[in-house]
All heavy atoms as atom14 arrays in JSON, in Angstrom:
{
  "sequence": "AQADVGVAMQTGTQAAREAGNMVDLDSNPTKLIEIVGIGKQLLMTR",
  "atom14_mask": [
    [1, 1, 1, 1, 1, 0, 0, 0, 0, 0, 0, 0, 0, 0],
    [1, 1, 1, 1, 1, 1, 1, 1, 1, 0, 0, 0, 0, 0],
    [1, 1, 1, 1, 1, 0, 0, 0, 0, 0, 0, 0, 0, 0],
    [1, 1, 1, 1, 1, 1, 1, 1, 0, 0, 0, 0, 0, 0],
    [1, 1, 1, 1, 1, 1, 1, 0, 0, 0, 0, 0, 0, 0],
    [1, 1, 1, 1, 0, 0, 0, 0, 0, 0, 0, 0, 0, 0],
    [1, 1, 1, 1, 1, 1, 1, 0, 0, 0, 0, 0, 0, 0],
    [1, 1, 1, 1, 1, 0, 0, 0, 0, 0, 0, 0, 0, 0],
    [1, 1, 1, 1, 1, 1, 1, 1, 0, 0, 0, 0, 0, 0],
    [1, 1, 1, 1, 1, 1, 1, 1, 1, 0, 0, 0, 0, 0],
    [1, 1, 1, 1, 1, 1, 1, 0, 0, 0, 0, 0, 0, 0],
    [1, 1, 1, 1, 0, 0, 0, 0, 0, 0, 0, 0, 0, 0],
    [1, 1, 1, 1, 1, 1, 1, 0, 0, 0, 0, 0, 0, 0],
    [1, 1, 1, 1, 1, 1, 1, 1, 1, 0, 0, 0, 0, 0],
    [1, 1, 1, 1, 1, 0, 0, 0, 0, 0, 0, 0, 0, 0],
    [1, 1, 1, 1, 1, 0, 0, 0, 0, 0, 0, 0, 0, 0],
    [1, 1, 1, 1, 1, 1, 1, 1, 1, 1, 1, 0, 0, 0],
    [1, 1, 1, 1, 1, 1, 1, 1, 1, 0, 0, 0, 0, 0],
    [1, 1, 1, 1, 1, 0, 0, 0, 0, 0, 0, 0, 0, 0],
    [1, 1, 1, 1, 0, 0, 0, 0, 0, 0, 0, 0, 0, 0],
    [1, 1, 1, 1, 1, 1, 1, 1, 0, 0, 0, 0, 0, 0],
    [1, 1, 1, 1, 1, 1, 1, 1, 0, 0, 0, 0, 0, 0],
    [1, 1, 1, 1, 1, 1, 1, 0, 0, 0, 0, 0, 0, 0],
    [1, 1, 1, 1, 1, 1, 1, 1, 0, 0, 0, 0, 0, 0],
    [1, 1, 1, 1, 1, 1, 1, 1, 0, 0, 0, 0, 0, 0],
    [1, 1, 1, 1, 1, 1, 1, 1, 0, 0, 0, 0, 0, 0],
    [1, 1, 1, 1, 1, 1, 0, 0, 0, 0, 0, 0, 0, 0],
    [1, 1, 1, 1, 1, 1, 1, 1, 0, 0, 0, 0, 0, 0],
    [1, 1, 1, 1, 1, 1, 1, 0, 0, 0, 0, 0, 0, 0],
    [1, 1, 1, 1, 1, 1, 1, 0, 0, 0, 0, 0, 0, 0],
    [1, 1, 1, 1, 1, 1, 1, 1, 1, 0, 0, 0, 0, 0],
    [1, 1, 1, 1, 1, 1, 1, 1, 0, 0, 0, 0, 0, 0],
    [1, 1, 1, 1, 1, 1, 1, 1, 0, 0, 0, 0, 0, 0],
    [1, 1, 1, 1, 1, 1, 1, 1, 1, 0, 0, 0, 0, 0],
    [1, 1, 1, 1, 1, 1, 1, 1, 0, 0, 0, 0, 0, 0],
    [1, 1, 1, 1, 1, 1, 1, 0, 0, 0, 0, 0, 0, 0],
    [1, 1, 1, 1, 0, 0, 0, 0, 0, 0, 0, 0, 0, 0],
    [1, 1, 1, 1, 1, 1, 1, 1, 0, 0, 0, 0, 0, 0],
    [1, 1, 1, 1, 0, 0, 0, 0, 0, 0, 0, 0, 0, 0],
    [1, 1, 1, 1, 1, 1, 1, 1, 1, 0, 0, 0, 0, 0],
    [1, 1, 1, 1, 1, 1, 1, 1, 1, 0, 0, 0, 0, 0],
    [1, 1, 1, 1, 1, 1, 1, 1, 0, 0, 0, 0, 0, 0],
    [1, 1, 1, 1, 1, 1, 1, 1, 0, 0, 0, 0, 0, 0],
    [1, 1, 1, 1, 1, 1, 1, 1, 0, 0, 0, 0, 0, 0],
    [1, 1, 1, 1, 1, 1, 1, 0, 0, 0, 0, 0, 0, 0],
    [1, 1, 1, 1, 1, 1, 1, 1, 1, 1, 1, 0, 0, 0]
  ],
  "atom14_positions": [
    [[-44.74, -46.74, -97.55], [-43.96, -46.06, -96.51], [-43.33, -44.76, -97.03], [-43.22, -43.78, -96.31], [-42.88, -46.98, -95.98], [0.0, 0.0, 0.0], [0.0, 0.0, 0.0], [0.0, 0.0, 0.0], [0.0, 0.0, 0.0], [0.0, 0.0, 0.0], [0.0, 0.0, 0.0], [0.0, 0.0, 0.0], [0.0, 0.0, 0.0], [0.0, 0.0, 0.0]],
    [[-42.95, -44.74, -98.31], [-42.29, -43.57, -98.92], [-43.28, -42.47, -99.27], [-42.96, -41.29, -99.2], [-41.51, -43.98, -100.17], [-40.82, -42.85, -100.91], [-39.69, -42.24, -100.09], [-39.01, -42.94, -99.35], [-39.49, -40.94, -100.22], [0.0, 0.0, 0.0], [0.0, 0.0, 0.0], [0.0, 0.0, 0.0], [0.0, 0.0, 0.0], [0.0, 0.0, 0.0]],
    [[-44.49, -42.84, -99.64], [-45.48, -41.86, -100.11], [-45.85, -40.89, -98.99], [-45.8, -41.22, -97.81], [-46.72, -42.6, -100.62], [0.0, 0.0, 0.0], [0.0, 0.0, 0.0], [0.0, 0.0, 0.0], [0.0, 0.0, 0.0], [0.0, 0.0, 0.0], [0.0, 0.0, 0.0], [0.0, 0.0, 0.0], [0.0, 0.0, 0.0], [0.0, 0.0, 0.0]],
    [[-46.25, -39.69, -99.39], [-46.69, -38.7, -98.4], [-48.01, -39.16, -97.75], [-48.24, -38.93, -96.57], [-46.9, -37.34, -99.1], [-45.64, -36.83, -99.72], [-44.77, -36.37, -98.99], [-45.5, -36.91, -100.97], [0.0, 0.0, 0.0], [0.0, 0.0, 0.0], [0.0, 0.0, 0.0], [0.0, 0.0, 0.0], [0.0, 0.0, 0.0], [0.0, 0.0, 0.0]],
    [[-48.85, -39.8, -98.56], [-50.11, -40.37, -98.05], [-50.13, -41.83, -98.51], [-50.3, -42.1, -99.7], [-51.34, -39.64, -98.57], [-52.62, -40.25, -98.0], [-51.27, -38.16, -98.22], [0.0, 0.0, 0.0], [0.0, 0.0, 0.0], [0.0, 0.0, 0.0], [0.0, 0.0, 0.0], [0.0, 0.0, 0.0], [0.0, 0.0, 0.0], [0.0, 0.0, 0.0]],
    [[-49.91, -42.76, -97.59], [-49.92, -44.19, -97.94], [-51.2, -44.82, -97.43], [-51.37, -45.0, -96.21], [0.0, 0.0, 0.0], [0.0, 0.0, 0.0], [0.0, 0.0, 0.0], [0.0, 0.0, 0.0], [0.0, 0.0, 0.0], [0.0, 0.0, 0.0], [0.0, 0.0, 0.0], [0.0, 0.0, 0.0], [0.0, 0.0, 0.0], [0.0, 0.0, 0.0]],
    [[-52.11, -45.16, -98.35], [-53.39, -45.74, -97.99], [-53.36, -47.24, -98.23], [-53.35, -47.68, -99.4], [-54.55, -45.1, -98.78], [-55.89, -45.64, -98.31], [-54.51, -43.58, -98.66], [0.0, 0.0, 0.0], [0.0, 0.0, 0.0], [0.0, 0.0, 0.0], [0.0, 0.0, 0.0], [0.0, 0.0, 0.0], [0.0, 0.0, 0.0], [0.0, 0.0, 0.0]],
    [[-53.34, -48.02, -97.17], [-53.32, -49.48, -97.29], [-54.75, -50.01, -97.24], [-55.59, -49.5, -96.51], [-52.49, -50.1, -96.18], [0.0, 0.0, 0.0], [0.0, 0.0, 0.0], [0.0, 0.0, 0.0], [0.0, 0.0, 0.0], [0.0, 0.0, 0.0], [0.0, 0.0, 0.0], [0.0, 0.0, 0.0], [0.0, 0.0, 0.0], [0.0, 0.0, 0.0]],
    [[-55.02, -51.03, -98.05], [-56.33, -51.66, -98.04], [-56.44, -52.6, -96.84], [-55.5, -53.35, -96.54], [-56.56, -52.47, -99.33], [-56.45, -51.66, -100.63], [-57.74, -50.39, -100.81], [-56.79, -48.89, -100.45], [0.0, 0.0, 0.0], [0.0, 0.0, 0.0], [0.0, 0.0, 0.0], [0.0, 0.0, 0.0], [0.0, 0.0, 0.0], [0.0, 0.0, 0.0]],
    [[-57.58, -52.57, -96.17], [-57.81, -53.45, -95.01], [-57.72, -54.93, -95.4], [-57.3, -55.77, -94.62], [-59.17, -53.14, -94.39], [-59.69, -54.19, -93.41], [-58.84, -54.33, -92.18], [-57.96, -53.54, -91.94], [-59.09, -55.35, -91.39], [0.0, 0.0, 0.0], [0.0, 0.0, 0.0], [0.0, 0.0, 0.0], [0.0, 0.0, 0.0], [0.0, 0.0, 0.0]],
    [[-58.1, -55.25, -96.66], [-58.03, -56.64, -97.11], [-56.61, -57.07, -97.45], [-56.39, -58.21, -97.8], [-58.91, -56.82, -98.35], [-58.5, -55.89, -99.37], [-60.38, -56.61, -98.02], [0.0, 0.0, 0.0], [0.0, 0.0, 0.0], [0.0, 0.0, 0.0], [0.0, 0.0, 0.0], [0.0, 0.0, 0.0], [0.0, 0.0, 0.0], [0.0, 0.0, 0.0]],
    [[-55.67, -56.15, -97.38], [-54.3, -56.45, -97.78], [-53.49, -57.15, -96.7], [-53.99, -57.56, -95.65], [0.0, 0.0, 0.0], [0.0, 0.0, 0.0], [0.0, 0.0, 0.0], [0.0, 0.0, 0.0], [0.0, 0.0, 0.0], [0.0, 0.0, 0.0], [0.0, 0.0, 0.0], [0.0, 0.0, 0.0], [0.0, 0.0, 0.0], [0.0, 0.0, 0.0]],
    [[-52.18, -57.21, -96.95], [-51.29, -57.91, -96.04], [-50.98, -57.05, -94.81], [-51.15, -55.83, -94.82], [-49.98, -58.24, -96.75], [-49.36, -57.02, -97.17], [-50.22, -59.13, -97.95], [0.0, 0.0, 0.0], [0.0, 0.0, 0.0], [0.0, 0.0, 0.0], [0.0, 0.0, 0.0], [0.0, 0.0, 0.0], [0.0, 0.0, 0.0], [0.0, 0.0, 0.0]],
    [[-50.48, -57.72, -93.78], [-50.09, -57.01, -92.56], [-48.96, -56.01, -92.86], [-48.96, -54.9, -92.31], [-49.61, -58.04, -91.52], [-49.28, -57.47, -90.14], [-50.53, -57.19, -89.34], [-51.63, -57.58, -89.71], [-50.37, -56.49, -88.21], [0.0, 0.0, 0.0], [0.0, 0.0, 0.0], [0.0, 0.0, 0.0], [0.0, 0.0, 0.0], [0.0, 0.0, 0.0]],
    [[-48.04, -56.39, -93.73], [-46.93, -55.5, -94.07], [-47.43, -54.21, -94.69], [-46.92, -53.12, -94.37], [-45.96, -56.22, -95.03], [0.0, 0.0, 0.0], [0.0, 0.0, 0.0], [0.0, 0.0, 0.0], [0.0, 0.0, 0.0], [0.0, 0.0, 0.0], [0.0, 0.0, 0.0], [0.0, 0.0, 0.0], [0.0, 0.0, 0.0], [0.0, 0.0, 0.0]],
    [[-48.41, -54.31, -95.57], [-48.96, -53.11, -96.23], [-49.66, -52.22, -95.2], [-49.49, -51.0, -95.22], [-49.92, -53.52, -97.34], [0.0, 0.0, 0.0], [0.0, 0.0, 0.0], [0.0, 0.0, 0.0], [0.0, 0.0, 0.0], [0.0, 0.0, 0.0], [0.0, 0.0, 0.0], [0.0, 0.0, 0.0], [0.0, 0.0, 0.0], [0.0, 0.0, 0.0]],
    [[-50.43, -52.82, -94.31], [-51.17, -52.02, -93.33], [-50.25, -51.3, -92.38], [-50.53, -50.2, -91.91], [-52.15, -52.91, -92.57], [-53.32, -53.38, -93.43], [-54.4, -54.05, -92.61], [-53.96, -55.29, -92.01], [-54.71, -56.03, -91.22], [-55.94, -55.65, -90.91], [-54.26, -57.17, -90.72], [0.0, 0.0, 0.0], [0.0, 0.0, 0.0], [0.0, 0.0, 0.0]],
    [[-49.13, -51.94, -92.06], [-48.19, -51.29, -91.12], [-47.35, -50.23, -91.82], [-46.89, -49.28, -91.18], [-47.28, -52.36, -90.5], [-48.01, -53.28, -89.53], [-47.1, -54.31, -88.91], [-45.91, -54.39, -89.32], [-47.56, -55.06, -88.01], [0.0, 0.0, 0.0], [0.0, 0.0, 0.0], [0.0, 0.0, 0.0], [0.0, 0.0, 0.0], [0.0, 0.0, 0.0]],
    [[-47.13, -50.38, -93.13], [-46.31, -49.39, -93.85], [-47.06, -48.12, -94.15], [-46.48, -47.03, -94.15], [-45.81, -50.02, -95.16], [0.0, 0.0, 0.0], [0.0, 0.0, 0.0], [0.0, 0.0, 0.0], [0.0, 0.0, 0.0], [0.0, 0.0, 0.0], [0.0, 0.0, 0.0], [0.0, 0.0, 0.0], [0.0, 0.0, 0.0], [0.0, 0.0, 0.0]],
    [[-48.37, -48.2, -94.4], [-49.14, -47.0, -94.73], [-49.41, -46.14, -93.51], [-49.29, -46.58, -92.38], [0.0, 0.0, 0.0], [0.0, 0.0, 0.0], [0.0, 0.0, 0.0], [0.0, 0.0, 0.0], [0.0, 0.0, 0.0], [0.0, 0.0, 0.0], [0.0, 0.0, 0.0], [0.0, 0.0, 0.0], [0.0, 0.0, 0.0], [0.0, 0.0, 0.0]],
    [[-49.78, -44.88, -93.77], [-50.19, -44.02, -92.66], [-51.7, -43.83, -92.63], [-52.24, -43.04, -91.86], [-49.48, -42.65, -92.71], [-49.49, -42.03, -94.08], [-50.43, -42.21, -94.86], [-48.42, -41.29, -94.39], [0.0, 0.0, 0.0], [0.0, 0.0, 0.0], [0.0, 0.0, 0.0], [0.0, 0.0, 0.0], [0.0, 0.0, 0.0], [0.0, 0.0, 0.0]],
    [[-52.41, -44.57, -93.48], [-53.86, -44.67, -93.43], [-54.25, -46.1, -93.81], [-53.57, -46.74, -94.59], [-54.54, -43.69, -94.4], [-54.38, -42.24, -94.07], [-55.4, -41.2, -95.15], [-54.83, -39.58, -94.67], [0.0, 0.0, 0.0], [0.0, 0.0, 0.0], [0.0, 0.0, 0.0], [0.0, 0.0, 0.0], [0.0, 0.0, 0.0], [0.0, 0.0, 0.0]],
    [[-55.38, -46.56, -93.25], [-55.92, -47.87, -93.61], [-57.38, -47.66, -94.02], [-58.17, -47.12, -93.25], [-55.84, -48.87, -92.44], [-56.48, -50.21, -92.84], [-54.4, -49.09, -92.01], [0.0, 0.0, 0.0], [0.0, 0.0, 0.0], [0.0, 0.0, 0.0], [0.0, 0.0, 0.0], [0.0, 0.0, 0.0], [0.0, 0.0, 0.0], [0.0, 0.0, 0.0]],
    [[-57.7, -48.1, -95.25], [-59.06, -47.99, -95.75], [-59.79, -49.27, -95.41], [-59.48, -50.35, -95.96], [-59.05, -47.77, -97.27], [-60.45, -47.77, -97.86], [-61.42, -47.65, -97.07], [-60.59, -47.89, -99.08], [0.0, 0.0, 0.0], [0.0, 0.0, 0.0], [0.0, 0.0, 0.0], [0.0, 0.0, 0.0], [0.0, 0.0, 0.0], [0.0, 0.0, 0.0]],
    [[-60.74, -49.21, -94.49], [-61.43, -50.39, -94.0], [-62.36, -50.97, -95.05], [-62.76, -52.14, -94.96], [-62.23, -50.06, -92.74], [-61.4, -49.49, -91.58], [-62.3, -49.19, -90.4], [-60.29, -50.41, -91.2], [0.0, 0.0, 0.0], [0.0, 0.0, 0.0], [0.0, 0.0, 0.0], [0.0, 0.0, 0.0], [0.0, 0.0, 0.0], [0.0, 0.0, 0.0]],
    [[-62.72, -50.19, -96.07], [-63.58, -50.69, -97.13], [-62.81, -51.23, -98.32], [-63.39, -51.75, -99.26], [-64.53, -49.58, -97.63], [-65.53, -49.15, -96.58], [-65.91, -49.99, -95.76], [-65.9, -47.95, -96.58], [0.0, 0.0, 0.0], [0.0, 0.0, 0.0], [0.0, 0.0, 0.0], [0.0, 0.0, 0.0], [0.0, 0.0, 0.0], [0.0, 0.0, 0.0]],
    [[-61.49, -51.03, -98.31], [-60.6, -51.48, -99.41], [-61.08, -50.95, -100.74], [-61.14, -51.66, -101.74], [-60.53, -53.02, -99.43], [-60.01, -53.51, -98.22], [0.0, 0.0, 0.0], [0.0, 0.0, 0.0], [0.0, 0.0, 0.0], [0.0, 0.0, 0.0], [0.0, 0.0, 0.0], [0.0, 0.0, 0.0], [0.0, 0.0, 0.0], [0.0, 0.0, 0.0]],
    [[-61.39, -49.66, -100.77], [-61.87, -49.0, -101.97], [-60.84, -47.95, -102.38], [-60.72, -46.92, -101.73], [-63.23, -48.35, -101.73], [-63.74, -47.58, -102.94], [-63.12, -47.6, -104.01], [-64.87, -46.94, -102.78], [0.0, 0.0, 0.0], [0.0, 0.0, 0.0], [0.0, 0.0, 0.0], [0.0, 0.0, 0.0], [0.0, 0.0, 0.0], [0.0, 0.0, 0.0]],
    [[-60.08, -48.17, -103.46], [-59.0, -47.24, -103.8], [-59.48, -45.84, -104.12], [-58.76, -44.87, -103.92], [-58.35, -47.89, -105.03], [-59.4, -48.76, -105.61], [-60.18, -49.27, -104.44], [0.0, 0.0, 0.0], [0.0, 0.0, 0.0], [0.0, 0.0, 0.0], [0.0, 0.0, 0.0], [0.0, 0.0, 0.0], [0.0, 0.0, 0.0], [0.0, 0.0, 0.0]],
    [[-60.71, -45.71, -104.62], [-61.21, -44.38, -104.95], [-61.63, -43.63, -103.69], [-62.12, -42.49, -103.81], [-62.38, -44.46, -105.95], [-63.45, -45.22, -105.35], [-61.95, -45.13, -107.21], [0.0, 0.0, 0.0], [0.0, 0.0, 0.0], [0.0, 0.0, 0.0], [0.0, 0.0, 0.0], [0.0, 0.0, 0.0], [0.0, 0.0, 0.0], [0.0, 0.0, 0.0]],
    [[-61.51, -44.25, -102.53], [-61.8, -43.56, -101.27], [-60.91, -42.33, -101.13], [-61.2, -41.45, -100.34], [-61.59, -44.52, -100.1], [-61.98, -43.99, -98.74], [-63.49, -43.9, -98.56], [-64.11, -45.27, -98.52], [-63.76, -46.05, -97.37], [0.0, 0.0, 0.0], [0.0, 0.0, 0.0], [0.0, 0.0, 0.0], [0.0, 0.0, 0.0], [0.0, 0.0, 0.0]],
    [[-59.83, -42.27, -101.93], [-58.95, -41.11, -101.84], [-59.69, -39.82, -102.18], [-59.27, -38.75, -101.77], [-57.73, -41.27, -102.78], [-56.62, -40.27, -102.47], [-55.81, -40.74, -101.25], [-55.72, -40.06, -103.64], [0.0, 0.0, 0.0], [0.0, 0.0, 0.0], [0.0, 0.0, 0.0], [0.0, 0.0, 0.0], [0.0, 0.0, 0.0], [0.0, 0.0, 0.0]],
    [[-60.79, -39.91, -102.93], [-61.59, -38.72, -103.18], [-62.08, -38.13, -101.87], [-61.96, -36.92, -101.63], [-62.79, -39.06, -104.11], [-62.28, -39.48, -105.48], [-63.75, -37.89, -104.22], [-63.37, -39.99, -106.4], [0.0, 0.0, 0.0], [0.0, 0.0, 0.0], [0.0, 0.0, 0.0], [0.0, 0.0, 0.0], [0.0, 0.0, 0.0], [0.0, 0.0, 0.0]],
    [[-62.61, -38.99, -101.0], [-63.06, -38.51, -99.68], [-61.88, -38.07, -98.83], [-61.95, -37.07, -98.11], [-63.84, -39.61, -98.95], [-65.27, -39.8, -99.4], [-65.39, -40.58, -100.7], [-64.41, -41.28, -101.06], [-66.45, -40.5, -101.34], [0.0, 0.0, 0.0], [0.0, 0.0, 0.0], [0.0, 0.0, 0.0], [0.0, 0.0, 0.0], [0.0, 0.0, 0.0]],
    [[-60.77, -38.83, -98.91], [-59.59, -38.5, -98.11], [-59.05, -37.12, -98.5], [-58.74, -36.29, -97.63], [-58.52, -39.59, -98.27], [-58.98, -40.92, -97.67], [-57.21, -39.16, -97.6], [-58.07, -42.08, -97.92], [0.0, 0.0, 0.0], [0.0, 0.0, 0.0], [0.0, 0.0, 0.0], [0.0, 0.0, 0.0], [0.0, 0.0, 0.0], [0.0, 0.0, 0.0]],
    [[-58.94, -36.87, -99.8], [-58.46, -35.58, -100.29], [-59.44, -34.46, -99.86], [-59.01, -33.4, -99.4], [-58.28, -35.59, -101.8], [-58.03, -34.19, -102.34], [-57.09, -36.47, -102.18], [0.0, 0.0, 0.0], [0.0, 0.0, 0.0], [0.0, 0.0, 0.0], [0.0, 0.0, 0.0], [0.0, 0.0, 0.0], [0.0, 0.0, 0.0], [0.0, 0.0, 0.0]],
    [[-60.72, -34.74, -100.02], [-61.72, -33.74, -99.63], [-61.63, -33.39, -98.17], [-61.72, -32.21, -97.78], [0.0, 0.0, 0.0], [0.0, 0.0, 0.0], [0.0, 0.0, 0.0], [0.0, 0.0, 0.0], [0.0, 0.0, 0.0], [0.0, 0.0, 0.0], [0.0, 0.0, 0.0], [0.0, 0.0, 0.0], [0.0, 0.0, 0.0], [0.0, 0.0, 0.0]],
    [[-61.44, -34.4, -97.32], [-61.33, -34.17, -95.87], [-60.04, -33.41, -95.55], [-60.02, -32.51, -94.7], [-61.4, -35.51, -95.11], [-62.81, -36.07, -95.19], [-60.99, -35.31, -93.65], [-62.95, -37.5, -94.73], [0.0, 0.0, 0.0], [0.0, 0.0, 0.0], [0.0, 0.0, 0.0], [0.0, 0.0, 0.0], [0.0, 0.0, 0.0], [0.0, 0.0, 0.0]],
    [[-58.94, -33.77, -96.26], [-57.69, -33.04, -96.05], [-57.82, -31.58, -96.42], [-57.37, -30.68, -95.69], [0.0, 0.0, 0.0], [0.0, 0.0, 0.0], [0.0, 0.0, 0.0], [0.0, 0.0, 0.0], [0.0, 0.0, 0.0], [0.0, 0.0, 0.0], [0.0, 0.0, 0.0], [0.0, 0.0, 0.0], [0.0, 0.0, 0.0], [0.0, 0.0, 0.0]],
    [[-58.45, -31.32, -97.57], [-58.65, -29.93, -97.99], [-59.6, -29.21, -97.04], [-59.41, -28.03, -96.72], [-59.21, -29.9, -99.42], [-58.2, -30.32, -100.48], [-58.79, -30.2, -101.87], [-57.8, -30.65, -102.95], [-56.61, -29.79, -103.04], [0.0, 0.0, 0.0], [0.0, 0.0, 0.0], [0.0, 0.0, 0.0], [0.0, 0.0, 0.0], [0.0, 0.0, 0.0]],
    [[-60.61, -29.93, -96.58], [-61.56, -29.36, -95.65], [-60.89, -28.98, -94.33], [-61.15, -27.92, -93.75], [-62.71, -30.33, -95.4], [-63.87, -29.77, -94.59], [-64.95, -30.79, -94.38], [-64.7, -31.94, -94.1], [-66.2, -30.37, -94.5], [0.0, 0.0, 0.0], [0.0, 0.0, 0.0], [0.0, 0.0, 0.0], [0.0, 0.0, 0.0], [0.0, 0.0, 0.0]],
    [[-59.97, -29.83, -93.87], [-59.23, -29.53, -92.65], [-58.39, -28.28, -92.8], [-58.43, -27.38, -91.94], [-58.33, -30.73, -92.32], [-57.34, -30.54, -91.14], [-58.09, -30.33, -89.84], [-56.41, -31.75, -91.02], [0.0, 0.0, 0.0], [0.0, 0.0, 0.0], [0.0, 0.0, 0.0], [0.0, 0.0, 0.0], [0.0, 0.0, 0.0], [0.0, 0.0, 0.0]],
    [[-57.67, -28.18, -93.91], [-56.83, -26.99, -94.15], [-57.68, -25.74, -94.29], [-57.36, -24.68, -93.77], [-55.98, -27.2, -95.38], [-54.94, -28.33, -95.33], [-54.28, -28.53, -96.7], [-53.9, -28.04, -94.28], [0.0, 0.0, 0.0], [0.0, 0.0, 0.0], [0.0, 0.0, 0.0], [0.0, 0.0, 0.0], [0.0, 0.0, 0.0], [0.0, 0.0, 0.0]],
    [[-58.81, -25.87, -95.03], [-59.68, -24.72, -95.22], [-60.31, -24.27, -93.91], [-60.44, -23.07, -93.65], [-60.78, -25.05, -96.23], [-60.32, -25.14, -97.67], [-61.64, -25.7, -98.77], [-62.9, -24.49, -98.4], [0.0, 0.0, 0.0], [0.0, 0.0, 0.0], [0.0, 0.0, 0.0], [0.0, 0.0, 0.0], [0.0, 0.0, 0.0], [0.0, 0.0, 0.0]],
    [[-60.74, -25.22, -93.08], [-61.37, -24.88, -91.81], [-60.39, -24.14, -90.9], [-60.75, -23.11, -90.32], [-61.88, -26.16, -91.1], [-62.79, -26.85, -91.95], [-62.58, -25.81, -89.8], [0.0, 0.0, 0.0], [0.0, 0.0, 0.0], [0.0, 0.0, 0.0], [0.0, 0.0, 0.0], [0.0, 0.0, 0.0], [0.0, 0.0, 0.0], [0.0, 0.0, 0.0]],
    [[-59.18, -24.65, -90.82], [-58.17, -24.0, -89.99], [-57.86, -22.6, -90.54], [-57.78, -21.62, -89.78], [-56.9, -24.85, -89.96], [-55.89, -24.34, -88.94], [-54.64, -25.22, -88.97], [-54.94, -26.57, -88.52], [-54.38, -27.65, -89.01], [-53.5, -27.57, -89.99], [-54.69, -28.84, -88.54], [0.0, 0.0, 0.0], [0.0, 0.0, 0.0], [0.0, 0.0, 0.0]]
  ]
}
C-alpha cells in the first residue's frame, strides 16, 4: 500500500491483492521488467 508501485501476486492473499495497485496474474516477480518497460513506453509515447 505504501509503495509507489505495489505489485501483488495473484497466488497471494486477498489482503495483498487489495493493498497493491497492480496484480500480476502470473505471480512472476520479474514481471516488473515488463511493467517498467510499459510505464516508460507510456511516458515516451505521450
